[in-house]
PDB file of N, CA and C in Angstrom:
ATOM      1  N   MET A   1     -41.869 -20.004  31.462  1.00  0.00           N
ATOM      2  CA  MET A   1     -42.206 -18.742  31.548  1.00  0.00           C
ATOM      3  C   MET A   1     -43.136 -18.202  30.255  1.00  0.00           C
ATOM      4  N   THR A   2     -44.145 -17.766  30.583  1.00  0.00           N
ATOM      5  CA  THR A   2     -44.878 -17.053  29.335  1.00  0.00           C
ATOM      6  C   THR A   2     -44.244 -15.668  29.035  1.00  0.00           C
ATOM      7  N   THR A   3     -44.036 -15.491  27.862  1.00  0.00           N
ATOM      8  CA  THR A   3     -43.764 -14.049  27.203  1.00  0.00           C
ATOM      9  C   THR A   3     -44.991 -13.614  26.611  1.00  0.00           C
ATOM     10  N   ILE A   4     -44.742 -12.290  26.527  1.00  0.00           N
ATOM     11  CA  ILE A   4     -45.935 -11.440  25.809  1.00  0.00           C
ATOM     12  C   ILE A   4     -44.982 -10.549  24.706  1.00  0.00           C
ATOM     13  N   VAL A   5     -45.499 -10.454  23.703  1.00  0.00           N
ATOM     14  CA  VAL A   5     -44.909  -9.426  22.702  1.00  0.00           C
ATOM     15  C   VAL A   5     -45.538  -8.423  22.503  1.00  0.00           C
ATOM     16  N   ILE A   6     -44.806  -7.089  22.643  1.00  0.00           N
ATOM     17  CA  ILE A   6     -45.378  -5.843  22.241  1.00  0.00           C
ATOM     18  C   ILE A   6     -44.625  -5.143  21.662  1.00  0.00           C
ATOM     19  N   GLU A   7     -45.090  -4.700  20.508  1.00  0.00           N
ATOM     20  CA  GLU A   7     -44.164  -3.773  19.450  1.00  0.00           C
ATOM     21  C   GLU A   7     -42.778  -4.224  19.467  1.00  0.00           C
ATOM     22  N   ASP A   8     -43.098  -5.711  19.098  1.00  0.00           N
ATOM     23  CA  ASP A   8     -41.586  -6.609  18.673  1.00  0.00           C
ATOM     24  C   ASP A   8     -40.928  -6.573  19.734  1.00  0.00           C
ATOM     25  N   GLU A   9     -41.393  -6.455  21.215  1.00  0.00           N
ATOM     26  CA  GLU A   9     -40.300  -6.580  22.340  1.00  0.00           C
ATOM     27  C   GLU A   9     -40.795  -7.638  23.240  1.00  0.00           C
ATOM     28  N   LEU A  10     -40.096  -8.364  24.110  1.00  0.00           N
ATOM     29  CA  LEU A  10     -40.514  -9.673  24.906  1.00  0.00           C
ATOM     30  C   LEU A  10     -40.891  -8.801  26.314  1.00  0.00           C
ATOM     31  N   TYR A  11     -41.770  -9.295  26.826  1.00  0.00           N
ATOM     32  CA  TYR A  11     -42.215  -8.765  28.292  1.00  0.00           C
ATOM     33  C   TYR A  11     -42.669 -10.004  29.040  1.00  0.00           C
ATOM     34  N   VAL A  12     -42.769  -9.884  30.456  1.00  0.00           N
ATOM     35  CA  VAL A  12     -43.155 -10.886  31.303  1.00  0.00           C
ATOM     36  C   VAL A  12     -44.018 -10.277  32.388  1.00  0.00           C
ATOM     37  N   THR A  13     -44.976 -10.833  32.830  1.00  0.00           N
ATOM     38  CA  THR A  13     -45.793 -10.085  33.921  1.00  0.00           C
ATOM     39  C   THR A  13     -45.155 -10.144  35.258  1.00  0.00           C
ATOM     40  N   LEU A  14     -45.382  -9.257  36.111  1.00  0.00           N
ATOM     41  CA  LEU A  14     -44.747  -9.080  37.423  1.00  0.00           C
ATOM     42  C   LEU A  14     -45.045 -10.397  38.132  1.00  0.00           C
ATOM     43  N   GLU A  15     -46.438 -10.804  38.154  1.00  0.00           N
ATOM     44  CA  GLU A  15     -46.698 -12.141  38.793  1.00  0.00           C
ATOM     45  C   GLU A  15     -45.794 -13.265  38.413  1.00  0.00           C
ATOM     46  N   GLU A  16     -45.386 -13.398  37.148  1.00  0.00           N
ATOM     47  CA  GLU A  16     -44.568 -14.503  36.712  1.00  0.00           C
ATOM     48  C   GLU A  16     -43.163 -14.288  37.139  1.00  0.00           C
ATOM     49  N   ALA A  17     -42.487 -12.863  37.167  1.00  0.00           N
ATOM     50  CA  ALA A  17     -41.255 -12.634  37.517  1.00  0.00           C
ATOM     51  C   ALA A  17     -41.123 -12.886  38.954  1.00  0.00           C
ATOM     52  N   ALA A  18     -42.171 -12.522  39.682  1.00  0.00           N
ATOM     53  CA  ALA A  18     -42.130 -12.434  41.243  1.00  0.00           C
ATOM     54  C   ALA A  18     -42.158 -14.226  41.609  1.00  0.00           C
ATOM     55  N   SER A  19     -42.826 -14.875  40.908  1.00  0.00           N
ATOM     56  CA  SER A  19     -42.870 -16.359  41.144  1.00  0.00           C
ATOM     57  C   SER A  19     -41.734 -17.129  40.904  1.00  0.00           C
ATOM     58  N   CYS A  20     -41.450 -16.862  39.657  1.00  0.00           N
ATOM     59  CA  CYS A  20     -39.881 -17.393  39.270  1.00  0.00           C
ATOM     60  C   CYS A  20     -38.656 -17.194  40.067  1.00  0.00           C
ATOM     61  N   TYR A  21     -38.676 -15.873  40.697  1.00  0.00           N
ATOM     62  CA  TYR A  21     -37.520 -15.587  41.455  1.00  0.00           C
ATOM     63  C   TYR A  21     -37.843 -15.630  43.060  1.00  0.00           C
ATOM     64  N   SER A  22     -39.053 -15.920  43.625  1.00  0.00           N
ATOM     65  CA  SER A  22     -39.292 -16.044  44.589  1.00  0.00           C
ATOM     66  C   SER A  22     -39.453 -14.772  45.508  1.00  0.00           C
ATOM     67  N   LEU A  23     -39.894 -13.781  44.872  1.00  0.00           N
ATOM     68  CA  LEU A  23     -40.166 -12.409  45.520  1.00  0.00           C
ATOM     69  C   LEU A  23     -41.710 -12.131  45.391  1.00  0.00           C
ATOM     70  N   THR A  24     -41.829 -10.978  46.210  1.00  0.00           N
ATOM     71  CA  THR A  24     -43.373 -10.884  46.299  1.00  0.00           C
ATOM     72  C   THR A  24     -43.684  -9.813  45.302  1.00  0.00           C
ATOM     73  N   ILE A  25     -45.075  -9.687  44.674  1.00  0.00           N
ATOM     74  CA  ILE A  25     -45.570  -9.012  43.792  1.00  0.00           C
ATOM     75  C   ILE A  25     -45.043  -7.255  44.372  1.00  0.00           C
ATOM     76  N   GLU A  26     -45.375  -7.239  45.478  1.00  0.00           N
ATOM     77  CA  GLU A  26     -45.225  -5.836  46.352  1.00  0.00           C
ATOM     78  C   GLU A  26     -43.858  -5.489  46.153  1.00  0.00           C
ATOM     79  N   GLU A  27     -42.862  -6.279  46.155  1.00  0.00           N
ATOM     80  CA  GLU A  27     -41.534  -5.814  46.169  1.00  0.00           C
ATOM     81  C   GLU A  27     -41.192  -5.647  44.668  1.00  0.00           C
ATOM     82  N   LEU A  28     -41.788  -6.247  43.903  1.00  0.00           N
ATOM     83  CA  LEU A  28     -41.446  -5.822  42.362  1.00  0.00           C
ATOM     84  C   LEU A  28     -42.137  -4.540  42.142  1.00  0.00           C
ATOM     85  N   VAL A  29     -43.361  -4.386  42.460  1.00  0.00           N
ATOM     86  CA  VAL A  29     -44.381  -3.212  42.170  1.00  0.00           C
ATOM     87  C   VAL A  29     -43.388  -1.927  42.655  1.00  0.00           C
ATOM     88  N   GLU A  30     -42.841  -2.060  43.987  1.00  0.00           N
ATOM     89  CA  GLU A  30     -42.162  -1.083  44.421  1.00  0.00           C
ATOM     90  C   GLU A  30     -40.922  -0.900  43.683  1.00  0.00           C
ATOM     91  N   ALA A  31     -40.175  -1.754  43.171  1.00  0.00           N
ATOM     92  CA  ALA A  31     -39.048  -1.558  42.465  1.00  0.00           C
ATOM     93  C   ALA A  31     -39.349  -0.939  40.891  1.00  0.00           C
ATOM     94  N   GLY A  32     -40.485  -1.302  40.500  1.00  0.00           N
ATOM     95  CA  GLY A  32     -40.950  -0.761  39.325  1.00  0.00           C
ATOM     96  C   GLY A  32     -41.444   0.626  39.523  1.00  0.00           C
ATOM     97  N   ASP A  33     -41.814   0.852  40.654  1.00  0.00           N
ATOM     98  CA  ASP A  33     -42.206   2.242  40.888  1.00  0.00           C
ATOM     99  C   ASP A  33     -41.040   3.101  40.956  1.00  0.00           C
ATOM    100  N   LEU A  34     -39.899   2.619  41.330  1.00  0.00           N
ATOM    101  CA  LEU A  34     -38.831   3.269  41.533  1.00  0.00           C
ATOM    102  C   LEU A  34     -37.710   3.480  40.386  1.00  0.00           C
ATOM    103  N   GLY A  35     -38.379   2.757  39.176  1.00  0.00           N
ATOM    104  CA  GLY A  35     -37.510   2.670  38.065  1.00  0.00           C
ATOM    105  C   GLY A  35     -36.605   1.692  37.867  1.00  0.00           C
ATOM    106  N   VAL A  36     -36.260   0.771  38.913  1.00  0.00           N
ATOM    107  CA  VAL A  36     -35.473  -0.410  38.792  1.00  0.00           C
ATOM    108  C   VAL A  36     -35.763  -1.235  37.856  1.00  0.00           C
ATOM    109  N   LEU A  37     -36.948  -1.493  37.450  1.00  0.00           N
ATOM    110  CA  LEU A  37     -37.012  -2.618  36.398  1.00  0.00           C
ATOM    111  C   LEU A  37     -37.364  -1.963  35.042  1.00  0.00           C
ATOM    112  N   GLY A  38     -36.893  -0.572  34.660  1.00  0.00           N
ATOM    113  CA  GLY A  38     -37.228   0.058  33.355  1.00  0.00           C
ATOM    114  C   GLY A  38     -38.701   0.685  33.427  1.00  0.00           C
ATOM    115  N   ARG A  39     -39.010   0.703  32.332  1.00  0.00           N
ATOM    116  CA  ARG A  39     -40.281   1.009  32.048  1.00  0.00           C
ATOM    117  C   ARG A  39     -41.345   0.130  31.980  1.00  0.00           C
ATOM    118  N   THR A  40     -42.346   0.195  32.910  1.00  0.00           N
ATOM    119  CA  THR A  40     -43.395  -0.837  32.986  1.00  0.00           C
ATOM    120  C   THR A  40     -44.619  -0.511  32.047  1.00  0.00           C
ATOM    121  N   ARG A  41     -45.377  -1.465  31.870  1.00  0.00           N
ATOM    122  CA  ARG A  41     -46.625  -1.283  30.898  1.00  0.00           C
ATOM    123  C   ARG A  41     -47.701  -1.946  31.522  1.00  0.00           C
ATOM    124  N   THR A  42     -48.716  -1.669  31.046  1.00  0.00           N
ATOM    125  CA  THR A  42     -50.011  -2.635  31.474  1.00  0.00           C
ATOM    126  C   THR A  42     -50.380  -3.419  30.256  1.00  0.00           C
ATOM    127  N   TYR A  43     -50.430  -4.561  30.502  1.00  0.00           N
ATOM    128  CA  TYR A  43     -50.962  -5.468  29.372  1.00  0.00           C
ATOM    129  C   TYR A  43     -52.249  -6.278  29.736  1.00  0.00           C
ATOM    130  N   GLU A  44     -53.376  -5.875  28.956  1.00  0.00           N
ATOM    131  CA  GLU A  44     -54.531  -6.354  29.567  1.00  0.00           C
ATOM    132  C   GLU A  44     -54.797  -6.015  30.992  1.00  0.00           C
ATOM    133  N   THR A  45     -54.824  -6.714  31.872  1.00  0.00           N
ATOM    134  CA  THR A  45     -55.013  -6.396  33.280  1.00  0.00           C
ATOM    135  C   THR A  45     -53.654  -6.793  34.253  1.00  0.00           C
ATOM    136  N   HIS A  46     -52.492  -6.673  33.639  1.00  0.00           N
ATOM    137  CA  HIS A  46     -51.289  -7.326  34.028  1.00  0.00           C
ATOM    138  C   HIS A  46     -50.229  -6.066  34.008  1.00  0.00           C
ATOM    139  N   VAL A  47     -49.248  -5.729  34.866  1.00  0.00           N
ATOM    140  CA  VAL A  47     -48.216  -4.870  34.739  1.00  0.00           C
ATOM    141  C   VAL A  47     -46.977  -5.894  34.080  1.00  0.00           C
ATOM    142  N   VAL A  48     -46.436  -5.351  33.142  1.00  0.00           N
ATOM    143  CA  VAL A  48     -45.406  -6.227  32.243  1.00  0.00           C
ATOM    144  C   VAL A  48     -44.016  -5.170  32.537  1.00  0.00           C
ATOM    145  N   ILE A  49     -43.190  -6.081  32.423  1.00  0.00           N
ATOM    146  CA  ILE A  49     -41.685  -5.496  32.418  1.00  0.00           C
ATOM    147  C   ILE A  49     -41.012  -6.310  31.290  1.00  0.00           C
ATOM    148  N   ARG A  50     -39.930  -5.581  30.365  1.00  0.00           N
ATOM    149  CA  ARG A  50     -39.212  -6.168  29.360  1.00  0.00           C
ATOM    150  C   ARG A  50     -38.532  -7.511  29.840  1.00  0.00           C
ATOM    151  N   ILE A  51     -38.161  -8.077  29.065  1.00  0.00           N
ATOM    152  CA  ILE A  51     -37.686  -9.691  29.524  1.00  0.00           C
ATOM    153  C   ILE A  51     -36.137  -9.351  30.069  1.00  0.00           C
ATOM    154  N   GLU A  52     -35.470  -8.425  29.331  1.00  0.00           N
ATOM    155  CA  GLU A  52     -34.276  -8.104  29.945  1.00  0.00           C
ATOM    156  C   GLU A  52     -34.130  -7.704  31.482  1.00  0.00           C
ATOM    157  N   MET A  53     -35.251  -6.979  32.004  1.00  0.00           N
ATOM    158  CA  MET A  53     -35.322  -6.638  33.409  1.00  0.00           C
ATOM    159  C   MET A  53     -35.011  -7.874  34.507  1.00  0.00           C
ATOM    160  N   LEU A  54     -35.257  -9.121  33.723  1.00  0.00           N
ATOM    161  CA  LEU A  54     -35.321 -10.331  34.721  1.00  0.00           C
ATOM    162  C   LEU A  54     -34.070 -10.219  35.307  1.00  0.00           C
ATOM    163  N   ASP A  55     -32.839  -9.847  34.576  1.00  0.00           N
ATOM    164  CA  ASP A  55     -31.489  -9.954  35.330  1.00  0.00           C
ATOM    165  C   ASP A  55     -31.537  -8.991  36.667  1.00  0.00           C
ATOM    166  N   ARG A  56     -32.090  -7.813  36.354  1.00  0.00           N
ATOM    167  CA  ARG A  56     -32.162  -7.240  37.749  1.00  0.00           C
ATOM    168  C   ARG A  56     -33.172  -7.729  38.778  1.00  0.00           C
ATOM    169  N   VAL A  57     -34.165  -8.441  38.422  1.00  0.00           N
ATOM    170  CA  VAL A  57     -35.096  -9.164  39.329  1.00  0.00           C
ATOM    171  C   VAL A  57     -34.204 -10.276  39.991  1.00  0.00           C
ATOM    172  N   ALA A  58     -33.388 -11.021  38.859  1.00  0.00           N
ATOM    173  CA  ALA A  58     -32.468 -11.845  39.764  1.00  0.00           C
ATOM    174  C   ALA A  58     -31.653 -11.438  40.645  1.00  0.00           C
ATOM    175  N   THR A  59     -31.047 -10.312  40.375  1.00  0.00           N
ATOM    176  CA  THR A  59     -30.032  -9.315  41.200  1.00  0.00           C
ATOM    177  C   THR A  59     -30.881  -9.048  42.555  1.00  0.00           C
ATOM    178  N   LEU A  60     -31.949  -8.573  42.659  1.00  0.00           N
ATOM    179  CA  LEU A  60     -32.723  -8.070  43.832  1.00  0.00           C
ATOM    180  C   LEU A  60     -32.792  -9.568  44.665  1.00  0.00           C
ATOM    181  N   ARG A  61     -33.200 -10.677  43.930  1.00  0.00           N
ATOM    182  CA  ARG A  61     -33.184 -11.858  44.764  1.00  0.00           C
ATOM    183  C   ARG A  61     -31.916 -12.085  45.531  1.00  0.00           C
ATOM    184  N   ARG A  62     -30.778 -11.922  44.742  1.00  0.00           N
ATOM    185  CA  ARG A  62     -29.563 -12.354  45.376  1.00  0.00           C
ATOM    186  C   ARG A  62     -29.057 -11.447  46.483  1.00  0.00           C
ATOM    187  N   LEU A  63     -29.252 -10.129  46.146  1.00  0.00           N
ATOM    188  CA  LEU A  63     -28.986  -9.073  47.224  1.00  0.00           C
ATOM    189  C   LEU A  63     -29.729  -9.333  48.510  1.00  0.00           C
ATOM    190  N   THR A  64     -31.205  -9.602  48.355  1.00  0.00           N
ATOM    191  CA  THR A  64     -32.100  -9.561  49.566  1.00  0.00           C
ATOM    192  C   THR A  64     -31.933 -10.931  50.080  1.00  0.00           C
ATOM    193  N   ARG A  65     -31.849 -12.040  49.455  1.00  0.00           N
ATOM    194  CA  ARG A  65     -31.947 -13.334  50.078  1.00  0.00           C
ATOM    195  C   ARG A  65     -30.655 -13.956  50.487  1.00  0.00           C
ATOM    196  N   HIS A  66     -29.792 -14.030  49.522  1.00  0.00           N
ATOM    197  CA  HIS A  66     -28.315 -14.459  49.708  1.00  0.00           C
ATOM    198  C   HIS A  66     -27.441 -13.690  50.300  1.00  0.00           C
ATOM    199  N   LEU A  67     -27.457 -12.316  50.286  1.00  0.00           N
ATOM    200  CA  LEU A  67     -26.674 -11.287  50.652  1.00  0.00           C
ATOM    201  C   LEU A  67     -26.873 -10.535  51.991  1.00  0.00           C
ATOM    202  N   ASP A  68     -28.287 -10.962  52.368  1.00  0.00           N
ATOM    203  CA  ASP A  68     -29.075 -10.413  53.720  1.00  0.00           C
ATOM    204  C   ASP A  68     -29.250  -8.800  53.584  1.00  0.00           C
ATOM    205  N   LEU A  69     -29.165  -8.056  52.437  1.00  0.00           N
ATOM    206  CA  LEU A  69     -29.464  -6.702  52.508  1.00  0.00           C
ATOM    207  C   LEU A  69     -31.100  -6.530  52.574  1.00  0.00           C
ATOM    208  N   ASP A  70     -31.352  -5.515  53.158  1.00  0.00           N
ATOM    209  CA  ASP A  70     -32.986  -5.190  53.177  1.00  0.00           C
ATOM    210  C   ASP A  70     -33.104  -4.780  51.813  1.00  0.00           C
ATOM    211  N   PHE A  71     -34.626  -4.697  51.512  1.00  0.00           N
ATOM    212  CA  PHE A  71     -34.989  -4.303  50.057  1.00  0.00           C
ATOM    213  C   PHE A  71     -34.555  -3.055  49.837  1.00  0.00           C
ATOM    214  N   THR A  72     -34.653  -1.884  50.493  1.00  0.00           N
ATOM    215  CA  THR A  72     -34.284  -0.596  50.227  1.00  0.00           C
ATOM    216  C   THR A  72     -32.647  -0.710  49.888  1.00  0.00           C
ATOM    217  N   ALA A  73     -31.851  -1.215  50.784  1.00  0.00           N
ATOM    218  CA  ALA A  73     -30.551  -1.415  50.152  1.00  0.00           C
ATOM    219  C   ALA A  73     -30.300  -1.827  48.954  1.00  0.00           C
ATOM    220  N   ALA A  74     -30.985  -3.036  48.772  1.00  0.00           N
ATOM    221  CA  ALA A  74     -30.824  -3.608  47.221  1.00  0.00           C
ATOM    222  C   ALA A  74     -31.194  -2.731  46.302  1.00  0.00           C
ATOM    223  N   ILE A  75     -32.374  -2.053  46.491  1.00  0.00           N
ATOM    224  CA  ILE A  75     -32.818  -1.111  45.304  1.00  0.00           C
ATOM    225  C   ILE A  75     -31.611   0.238  45.254  1.00  0.00           C
ATOM    226  N   LEU A  76     -31.206   0.639  46.244  1.00  0.00           N
ATOM    227  CA  LEU A  76     -30.028   1.597  46.139  1.00  0.00           C
ATOM    228  C   LEU A  76     -28.949   1.040  45.424  1.00  0.00           C
ATOM    229  N   GLN A  77     -28.606  -0.127  45.580  1.00  0.00           N
ATOM    230  CA  GLN A  77     -27.443  -0.726  44.976  1.00  0.00           C
ATOM    231  C   GLN A  77     -27.672  -1.104  43.568  1.00  0.00           C
ATOM    232  N   LEU A  78     -28.984  -1.184  42.964  1.00  0.00           N
ATOM    233  CA  LEU A  78     -29.311  -1.255  41.640  1.00  0.00           C
ATOM    234  C   LEU A  78     -29.559   0.166  41.105  1.00  0.00           C
ATOM    235  N   LEU A  79     -29.821   1.116  41.808  1.00  0.00           N
ATOM    236  CA  LEU A  79     -29.909   2.347  41.161  1.00  0.00           C
ATOM    237  C   LEU A  79     -28.618   3.028  41.077  1.00  0.00           C
ATOM    238  N   ARG A  80     -27.534   2.376  41.471  1.00  0.00           N
ATOM    239  CA  ARG A  80     -26.251   3.295  41.421  1.00  0.00           C
ATOM    240  C   ARG A  80     -25.649   3.189  39.829  1.00  0.00           C
TER     241      ARG A  80
END
């Protein structure tokens, strides 16, 4: 996974995170818009998230794919 350094913090693109965790970009955009992935930023032409937020992306994957929660329920679990 390619990381991007912005102001001494590591970031990854939503595209890479989605690909790595077999989620759609649309799902991650929605999660980002709802604040689940922390503060998103734009780098060049990509939306990026702090690398620490990959834990939340992995949790979304587990909740939606392995525990069969719908995406809205998974988001609500992460916002608790």
